[in-house]
Amino acid sequence: MNQKKSILAGCYYTYFIVGAMSLVIGAVLPSLMEKCALNYTEGGLLLSAHSIGFLICSTLTGVIAEFVGRKRTVVFISILIPVALFGLAFTKNPGWLFVFLLFTGFGRGVVNNTNNVTVSTLANGDAGPVNILHSFFAVGGCLAPVIVAIFLKFNLGFEAALIALALLSIIAIVVYLMIDIDSVQTLKQADKKEKKKLDSSFLKNPDFYLVFGIMLFYLCSETAINGWLTAYLKDTGRMAPEIAPLMVSLMWLVMIIGRLVVAGISHKIHVYKMLLILSVGAAMVYGLFTFTQNLILIPVLILCIGLFLAGIYPTSVSALNRIVDFSAYGMGLAMGGAGVGSIVMPAITGYVAQNVAMTAGMLCIWVTVILMLVCAILVFLRNQKRKKSE
């Protein structure tokens, strides 16, 4: 029991750090673009660099971990996180910015795969602990823009915030060295009396592709919103430059609450019904957000966006882990594939913002939210049909 608690605590802390790292990128993006004289299209490519790293590592982590163990995999690759953060703080070269943001994606990918599979396996597929895990990600995501805003307010520079986060990420590596995450996979295999093999039978299950679709379009939406919300609010004059970064923190503050609420009610509502409810709400409020110019309504809608987006990814992870039968390979394949959305959507948003208008770029994100809703509807209807036939 103590071992289980220590593993969970370690996963929660390291996911908190990754949440802060992931969201600090969007918060410092305007400063990085200003320092290197980059336009919206180039800024979108920087965001895509992070997502490319996330895609590569999310896909490969599951396969590598099957053979060399999760601990060795996550410790070795996550070293790139502090390297990247220190690099972002000091470089003025756009090429190196791309490389360092690629490294942050590698770090996020390995931690994302490792922690989600580990916690979901310990919870035996229960969505509650996974939502709590993602609440820690949200706490990190909530605090990061606030810290950046404070550093900028006192003229300390965004570089100091990146350095502070780099030091905390080194502690995360030490935490991984102290916990025995490999034992989780070993115990699971012992219970199932299986050998290490790459089981791909889940690829024949349509539910896999629908839940994968939810994850794909969620990451399209979340990554683009996180990356461009600050610039959108600032450049369109909807918010003052010093206030705009705080809106991202506001959204993630609500996401913390939302994920804890979903964790608390996950035993009462089926995962597919939960995904449908959250997707309907997200599509409605984001649509209103893109069309409103009311300065009072904008913060309220940002709160609502965070509330409805909160439980979608962790609940999808829980559902998918059961579909792939707790396979690190299956989870890695899905998370890596879904990471394509993180690469494509920020770049599309930046390109449209540069060539049409920033508002048009943000409107493109609504399309991905609607596609996520379509997948949620289809998987819910399949589950209802299956229940009736039983």
Protein backbone atom coordinates (compact mmCIF):
# COMPACT_ATOMS: atom_id res chain seq x y z
CA MET A 1 0.00 0.00 0.00
CA ASN A 2 2.84 2.40 0.90
CA GLN A 3 4.56 1.57 -2.38
CA LYS A 4 1.36 2.32 -4.28
CA LYS A 5 0.97 5.67 -2.49
CA SER A 6 4.59 6.64 -3.19
CA ILE A 7 4.20 5.80 -6.88
CA LEU A 8 0.98 7.83 -7.11
CA ALA A 9 2.56 10.77 -5.27
CA GLY A 10 5.57 10.68 -7.59
CA CYS A 11 3.36 10.59 -10.66
CA TYR A 12 1.29 13.48 -9.35
CA TYR A 13 4.35 15.69 -8.72
CA THR A 14 6.03 14.95 -12.04
CA TYR A 15 2.77 15.59 -13.91
CA PHE A 16 2.43 18.89 -12.06
CA ILE A 17 5.85 19.91 -13.40
CA VAL A 18 4.98 18.83 -16.94
CA GLY A 19 1.72 20.80 -16.71
CA ALA A 20 3.66 23.91 -15.73
CA MET A 21 6.19 23.36 -18.51
CA SER A 22 3.52 22.80 -21.16
CA LEU A 23 1.52 25.91 -20.27
CA VAL A 24 4.51 28.18 -19.72
CA ILE A 25 5.27 27.85 -23.44
CA GLY A 26 2.08 29.68 -24.42
CA ALA A 27 2.66 32.27 -21.70
CA VAL A 28 6.18 33.14 -22.90
CA LEU A 29 5.45 32.72 -26.63
CA PRO A 30 4.73 36.46 -27.19
CA SER A 31 8.04 37.32 -25.45
CA LEU A 32 9.96 34.71 -27.46
CA MET A 33 8.41 36.00 -30.70
CA GLU A 34 9.30 39.58 -29.78
CA LYS A 35 12.87 38.66 -28.81
CA CYS A 36 13.47 36.81 -32.08
CA ALA A 37 11.26 39.04 -34.30
CA LEU A 38 8.95 36.20 -35.33
CA ASN A 39 5.51 36.50 -36.99
CA TYR A 40 2.34 34.48 -36.25
CA THR A 41 3.20 31.74 -38.76
CA GLU A 42 6.65 31.26 -37.26
CA GLY A 43 5.16 31.32 -33.76
CA GLY A 44 2.76 28.58 -34.80
CA LEU A 45 5.70 26.50 -36.04
CA LEU A 46 7.35 26.87 -32.63
CA LEU A 47 4.24 25.54 -30.93
CA SER A 48 4.21 22.69 -33.45
CA ALA A 49 7.82 21.84 -32.55
CA HIS A 50 6.68 21.07 -29.01
CA SER A 51 3.87 18.94 -30.39
CA ILE A 52 6.16 17.09 -32.82
CA GLY A 53 8.33 16.06 -29.88
CA PHE A 54 5.22 15.06 -27.96
CA LEU A 55 4.02 12.92 -30.87
CA ILE A 56 7.34 11.14 -31.38
CA CYS A 57 7.92 10.37 -27.73
CA SER A 58 4.33 9.43 -26.89
CA THR A 59 4.45 6.87 -29.71
CA LEU A 60 7.87 5.41 -28.98
CA THR A 61 7.72 5.45 -25.17
CA GLY A 62 5.23 2.60 -24.99
CA VAL A 63 7.30 0.38 -27.27
CA ILE A 64 10.62 1.18 -25.58
CA ALA A 65 9.13 0.71 -22.10
CA GLU A 66 7.90 -2.78 -23.02
CA PHE A 67 11.54 -3.87 -23.41
CA VAL A 68 13.75 -1.69 -21.19
CA GLY A 69 11.24 -0.68 -18.51
CA ARG A 70 9.35 2.52 -17.82
CA LYS A 71 11.79 3.85 -15.25
CA ARG A 72 14.86 3.84 -17.47
CA THR A 73 12.83 5.28 -20.34
CA VAL A 74 11.27 8.17 -18.41
CA VAL A 75 14.44 9.11 -16.48
CA PHE A 76 16.65 9.20 -19.56
CA ILE A 77 14.28 11.19 -21.81
CA SER A 78 12.96 13.60 -19.16
CA ILE A 79 16.49 14.95 -18.71
CA LEU A 80 15.73 16.94 -21.86
CA ILE A 81 13.17 19.07 -19.96
CA PRO A 82 15.61 21.13 -17.85
CA VAL A 83 18.02 21.26 -20.82
CA ALA A 84 15.24 22.75 -22.96
CA LEU A 85 14.06 25.26 -20.36
CA PHE A 86 17.56 26.57 -19.73
CA GLY A 87 18.04 26.78 -23.50
CA LEU A 88 14.83 28.75 -24.05
CA ALA A 89 15.89 31.20 -21.36
CA PHE A 90 19.22 32.04 -22.97
CA THR A 91 19.03 31.53 -26.75
CA LYS A 92 18.07 34.19 -29.28
CA ASN A 93 18.40 31.90 -32.28
CA PRO A 94 15.07 30.83 -33.86
CA GLY A 95 16.59 27.52 -34.93
CA TRP A 96 17.61 26.66 -31.39
CA LEU A 97 14.16 27.75 -30.15
CA PHE A 98 12.68 25.07 -32.41
CA VAL A 99 15.12 22.44 -31.09
CA PHE A 100 14.51 23.28 -27.44
CA LEU A 101 10.72 23.27 -27.91
CA LEU A 102 11.11 19.88 -29.60
CA PHE A 103 12.91 18.73 -26.43
CA THR A 104 10.03 19.97 -24.24
CA GLY A 105 7.71 17.85 -26.38
CA PHE A 106 9.94 14.80 -25.85
CA GLY A 107 9.78 15.35 -22.09
CA ARG A 108 6.03 15.87 -22.05
CA GLY A 109 5.47 12.80 -24.23
CA VAL A 110 7.44 10.39 -22.06
CA VAL A 111 5.92 11.69 -18.80
CA ASN A 112 2.42 11.74 -20.29
CA ASN A 113 2.61 8.12 -21.43
CA THR A 114 4.39 6.83 -18.33
CA ASN A 115 2.17 8.53 -15.77
CA ASN A 116 -1.15 7.84 -17.49
CA VAL A 117 -0.44 4.14 -17.99
CA THR A 118 0.98 3.76 -14.46
CA VAL A 119 -1.88 5.52 -12.64
CA SER A 120 -4.62 3.97 -14.78
CA THR A 121 -3.13 0.50 -14.21
CA LEU A 122 -2.91 1.05 -10.45
CA ALA A 123 -6.53 2.25 -10.50
CA ASN A 124 -7.58 -0.76 -12.60
CA GLY A 125 -9.13 1.54 -15.22
CA ASP A 126 -11.08 3.71 -12.74
CA ALA A 127 -11.37 7.24 -14.16
CA GLY A 128 -11.16 8.87 -10.70
CA PRO A 129 -7.40 8.62 -10.01
CA VAL A 130 -6.63 9.52 -13.64
CA ASN A 131 -8.71 12.70 -13.30
CA ILE A 132 -6.83 13.51 -10.08
CA LEU A 133 -3.55 12.99 -11.96
CA HIS A 134 -4.68 15.44 -14.61
CA SER A 135 -5.78 17.86 -11.89
CA PHE A 136 -2.12 18.12 -10.89
CA PHE A 137 -1.27 18.84 -14.52
CA ALA A 138 -3.92 21.57 -14.40
CA VAL A 139 -2.47 23.02 -11.17
CA GLY A 140 0.92 23.32 -12.88
CA GLY A 141 -0.74 24.77 -15.95
CA CYS A 142 -2.65 27.26 -13.82
CA LEU A 143 0.38 28.49 -11.88
CA ALA A 144 2.84 28.78 -14.77
CA PRO A 145 1.26 31.81 -16.54
CA VAL A 146 0.72 33.52 -13.18
CA ILE A 147 4.39 33.09 -12.31
CA VAL A 148 5.40 34.46 -15.72
CA ALA A 149 3.06 37.45 -15.26
CA ILE A 150 4.56 38.14 -11.81
CA PHE A 151 8.11 37.96 -13.14
CA LEU A 152 7.20 40.33 -15.98
CA LYS A 153 5.38 42.68 -13.58
CA PHE A 154 8.54 43.08 -11.48
CA ASN A 155 10.76 43.37 -14.57
CA LEU A 156 12.61 40.13 -13.78
CA GLY A 157 12.04 38.80 -17.29
CA PHE A 158 10.39 35.63 -18.51
CA GLU A 159 13.84 34.00 -18.57
CA ALA A 160 13.93 33.89 -14.77
CA ALA A 161 10.61 32.02 -14.71
CA LEU A 162 11.99 29.43 -17.16
CA ILE A 163 15.12 28.95 -15.03
CA ALA A 164 13.04 28.43 -11.88
CA LEU A 165 10.92 25.82 -13.66
CA ALA A 166 14.06 24.10 -14.96
CA LEU A 167 15.30 23.65 -11.39
CA LEU A 168 11.96 22.14 -10.34
CA SER A 169 12.09 19.75 -13.30
CA ILE A 170 15.44 18.42 -12.06
CA ILE A 171 13.69 17.47 -8.82
CA ALA A 172 11.11 15.58 -10.91
CA ILE A 173 13.89 13.41 -12.37
CA VAL A 174 15.09 12.63 -8.85
CA VAL A 175 11.53 11.63 -7.91
CA TYR A 176 11.42 9.15 -10.79
CA LEU A 177 14.69 7.65 -9.55
CA MET A 178 13.14 7.13 -6.10
CA ILE A 179 9.88 5.37 -7.08
CA ASP A 180 9.54 1.86 -8.51
CA ILE A 181 7.17 2.41 -11.43
CA ASP A 182 8.39 -0.76 -13.15
CA SER A 183 6.74 -2.82 -10.41
CA VAL A 184 3.29 -1.69 -11.55
CA GLN A 185 3.70 -3.27 -14.97
CA THR A 186 5.34 -6.36 -13.48
CA LEU A 187 2.47 -6.95 -11.04
CA LYS A 188 -0.10 -6.45 -13.77
CA GLN A 189 1.59 -8.99 -16.00
CA ALA A 190 1.84 -11.45 -13.13
CA ASP A 191 -1.88 -11.17 -12.48
CA LYS A 192 -2.72 -11.78 -16.13
CA LYS A 193 0.00 -14.46 -16.56
CA GLU A 194 1.11 -12.93 -19.82
CA LYS A 195 4.46 -12.51 -21.51
CA LYS A 196 5.75 -9.21 -22.81
CA LYS A 197 4.32 -8.86 -26.28
CA LEU A 198 2.82 -6.19 -28.46
CA ASP A 199 -0.86 -7.16 -28.54
CA SER A 200 -2.66 -5.28 -31.31
CA SER A 201 -6.09 -6.97 -31.12
CA PHE A 202 -7.62 -3.66 -29.97
CA LEU A 203 -7.14 -2.33 -33.51
CA LYS A 204 -10.18 -4.37 -34.54
CA ASN A 205 -12.41 -2.54 -32.04
CA PRO A 206 -14.25 0.52 -33.52
CA ASP A 207 -14.45 2.03 -30.02
CA PHE A 208 -10.65 2.39 -30.09
CA TYR A 209 -10.82 4.70 -33.11
CA LEU A 210 -13.71 6.77 -31.75
CA VAL A 211 -12.07 7.36 -28.36
CA PHE A 212 -8.81 8.00 -30.21
CA GLY A 213 -10.70 10.60 -32.26
CA ILE A 214 -11.88 12.31 -29.08
CA MET A 215 -8.28 12.47 -27.83
CA LEU A 216 -7.01 13.68 -31.22
CA PHE A 217 -9.48 16.56 -31.55
CA TYR A 218 -9.19 17.40 -27.85
CA LEU A 219 -5.43 17.86 -28.23
CA CYS A 220 -6.03 19.91 -31.39
CA SER A 221 -8.28 22.22 -29.40
CA GLU A 222 -6.40 22.35 -26.10
CA THR A 223 -2.95 22.91 -27.60
CA ALA A 224 -4.15 25.66 -29.94
CA ILE A 225 -6.14 27.39 -27.19
CA ASN A 226 -3.24 27.22 -24.72
CA GLY A 227 -0.77 28.47 -27.31
CA TRP A 228 -2.79 31.28 -28.86
CA LEU A 229 -5.27 32.51 -26.22
CA THR A 230 -2.84 35.05 -24.72
CA ALA A 231 -1.85 36.44 -28.12
CA TYR A 232 -5.51 36.49 -29.26
CA LEU A 233 -6.72 38.47 -26.25
CA LYS A 234 -3.76 40.87 -26.39
CA ASP A 235 -3.52 41.47 -30.14
CA THR A 236 -7.27 41.92 -30.68
CA GLY A 237 -7.42 44.43 -27.83
CA ARG A 238 -9.82 42.33 -25.78
CA MET A 239 -7.43 42.28 -22.81
CA ALA A 240 -4.50 44.38 -21.59
CA PRO A 241 -1.08 42.74 -22.20
CA GLU A 242 -0.46 42.18 -18.47
CA ILE A 243 -3.93 40.67 -17.94
CA ALA A 244 -4.13 38.37 -20.98
CA PRO A 245 -1.74 35.65 -19.62
CA LEU A 246 -3.86 35.42 -16.47
CA MET A 247 -6.84 34.25 -18.54
CA VAL A 248 -4.99 31.03 -19.33
CA SER A 249 -4.41 30.55 -15.60
CA LEU A 250 -8.09 31.29 -14.97
CA MET A 251 -9.10 28.61 -17.45
CA TRP A 252 -6.77 26.06 -15.89
CA LEU A 253 -7.91 26.96 -12.39
CA VAL A 254 -11.41 25.93 -13.42
CA MET A 255 -9.99 22.81 -15.08
CA ILE A 256 -8.58 21.76 -11.72
CA ILE A 257 -12.04 22.03 -10.19
CA GLY A 258 -13.63 20.32 -13.18
CA ARG A 259 -11.27 17.36 -13.06
CA LEU A 260 -11.79 16.89 -9.33
CA VAL A 261 -15.57 16.99 -9.86
CA VAL A 262 -15.34 14.43 -12.68
CA ALA A 263 -13.12 12.26 -10.45
CA GLY A 264 -15.77 12.41 -7.73
CA ILE A 265 -18.70 11.46 -9.97
CA SER A 266 -16.87 9.03 -12.28
CA HIS A 267 -18.38 6.06 -10.41
CA LYS A 268 -21.92 7.28 -11.08
CA ILE A 269 -21.76 8.22 -14.77
CA HIS A 270 -20.53 5.91 -17.52
CA VAL A 271 -17.38 7.15 -19.26
CA TYR A 272 -19.05 7.47 -22.68
CA LYS A 273 -21.97 9.44 -21.26
CA MET A 274 -19.50 11.67 -19.42
CA LEU A 275 -17.56 12.30 -22.62
CA LEU A 276 -20.77 13.20 -24.44
CA ILE A 277 -21.89 15.71 -21.78
CA LEU A 278 -18.49 17.39 -21.63
CA SER A 279 -18.13 17.55 -25.43
CA VAL A 280 -21.58 19.11 -25.90
CA GLY A 281 -20.77 21.78 -23.32
CA ALA A 282 -17.34 22.50 -24.80
CA ALA A 283 -18.74 22.92 -28.33
CA MET A 284 -21.44 25.32 -27.14
CA VAL A 285 -19.31 27.61 -24.98
CA TYR A 286 -16.35 27.78 -27.35
CA GLY A 287 -18.68 28.72 -30.19
CA LEU A 288 -20.04 31.58 -28.09
CA PHE A 289 -16.50 32.63 -27.13
CA THR A 290 -15.35 33.01 -30.75
CA PHE A 291 -18.26 35.29 -31.65
CA THR A 292 -18.53 37.52 -28.58
CA GLN A 293 -16.76 40.84 -28.02
CA ASN A 294 -18.36 41.49 -24.64
CA LEU A 295 -15.53 42.16 -22.18
CA ILE A 296 -17.59 40.86 -19.26
CA LEU A 297 -18.75 37.72 -21.06
CA ILE A 298 -15.27 36.74 -22.33
CA PRO A 299 -13.82 35.75 -18.90
CA VAL A 300 -17.05 33.88 -18.07
CA LEU A 301 -16.86 31.89 -21.30
CA ILE A 302 -13.17 31.14 -20.72
CA LEU A 303 -14.18 29.71 -17.34
CA CYS A 304 -16.83 27.57 -19.02
CA ILE A 305 -14.38 26.35 -21.67
CA GLY A 306 -12.04 25.18 -18.91
CA LEU A 307 -14.88 23.54 -17.02
CA PHE A 308 -16.11 21.44 -19.94
CA LEU A 309 -12.67 20.59 -21.35
CA ALA A 310 -11.41 19.55 -17.92
CA GLY A 311 -12.46 15.92 -17.80
CA ILE A 312 -12.36 14.98 -21.48
CA TYR A 313 -8.75 13.83 -21.86
CA PRO A 314 -8.36 11.92 -18.56
CA THR A 315 -11.75 10.23 -19.04
CA SER A 316 -10.71 9.28 -22.58
CA VAL A 317 -7.45 7.85 -21.24
CA SER A 318 -9.37 5.75 -18.72
CA ALA A 319 -11.76 4.46 -21.41
CA LEU A 320 -8.95 3.76 -23.86
CA ASN A 321 -6.80 1.94 -21.31
CA ARG A 322 -9.61 -0.58 -20.83
CA ILE A 323 -10.06 -0.93 -24.60
CA VAL A 324 -6.34 -1.72 -25.12
CA ASP A 325 -6.34 -3.94 -22.00
CA PHE A 326 -3.78 -1.81 -20.10
CA SER A 327 -1.17 -2.16 -22.85
CA ALA A 328 1.63 0.46 -22.77
CA TYR A 329 2.05 -0.17 -26.50
CA GLY A 330 -1.64 0.50 -27.18
CA MET A 331 -1.68 3.63 -25.06
CA GLY A 332 1.53 4.87 -26.65
CA LEU A 333 0.13 4.30 -30.13
CA ALA A 334 -3.07 6.23 -29.31
CA MET A 335 -1.38 9.08 -27.43
CA GLY A 336 1.27 9.43 -30.11
CA GLY A 337 -1.28 9.42 -32.91
CA ALA A 338 -3.46 11.92 -31.09
CA GLY A 339 -0.39 14.12 -30.77
CA VAL A 340 -0.65 14.83 -34.51
CA GLY A 341 -3.45 17.23 -33.61
CA SER A 342 -1.08 19.11 -31.31
CA ILE A 343 1.31 19.57 -34.21
CA VAL A 344 -1.13 20.54 -36.92
CA MET A 345 -3.65 22.78 -35.16
CA PRO A 346 -1.34 25.43 -33.62
CA ALA A 347 0.34 25.82 -37.02
CA ILE A 348 -3.02 26.09 -38.83
CA THR A 349 -4.22 28.66 -36.29
CA GLY A 350 -1.05 30.70 -36.70
CA TYR A 351 -1.17 30.53 -40.50
CA VAL A 352 -4.82 31.65 -40.64
CA ALA A 353 -4.12 34.40 -38.06
CA GLN A 354 -1.22 35.67 -40.15
CA ASN A 355 -2.99 35.57 -43.51
CA VAL A 356 -6.63 36.27 -42.58
CA ALA A 357 -7.17 37.44 -39.01
CA MET A 358 -6.47 36.26 -35.48
CA THR A 359 -10.21 35.82 -34.89
CA ALA A 360 -10.42 33.55 -37.94
CA GLY A 361 -7.55 31.48 -36.57
CA MET A 362 -9.34 30.98 -33.26
CA LEU A 363 -12.53 30.10 -35.13
CA CYS A 364 -10.71 27.20 -36.80
CA ILE A 365 -10.34 25.62 -33.36
CA TRP A 366 -14.14 25.42 -33.07
CA VAL A 367 -14.13 22.96 -35.99
CA THR A 368 -11.97 20.53 -34.02
CA VAL A 369 -14.21 20.89 -30.95
CA ILE A 370 -17.22 19.97 -33.10
CA LEU A 371 -15.38 16.95 -34.56
CA MET A 372 -14.60 15.85 -31.00
CA LEU A 373 -18.32 16.08 -30.24
CA VAL A 374 -19.14 13.90 -33.27
CA CYS A 375 -16.80 11.16 -32.01
CA ALA A 376 -18.33 11.37 -28.53
CA ILE A 377 -21.84 11.02 -29.95
CA LEU A 378 -20.88 7.99 -32.06
CA VAL A 379 -19.12 6.08 -29.27
CA PHE A 380 -22.01 6.84 -26.90
CA LEU A 381 -24.56 5.51 -29.41
CA ARG A 382 -22.46 2.36 -29.99
CA ASN A 383 -22.39 1.73 -26.25
CA GLN A 384 -26.16 2.26 -25.95
CA LYS A 385 -26.78 -0.16 -28.83
CA ARG A 386 -24.50 -2.74 -27.21
CA LYS A 387 -26.38 -2.45 -23.91
CA LYS A 388 -29.73 -3.05 -25.62
CA SER A 389 -28.45 -6.14 -27.40
CA GLU A 390 -27.18 -7.71 -24.17
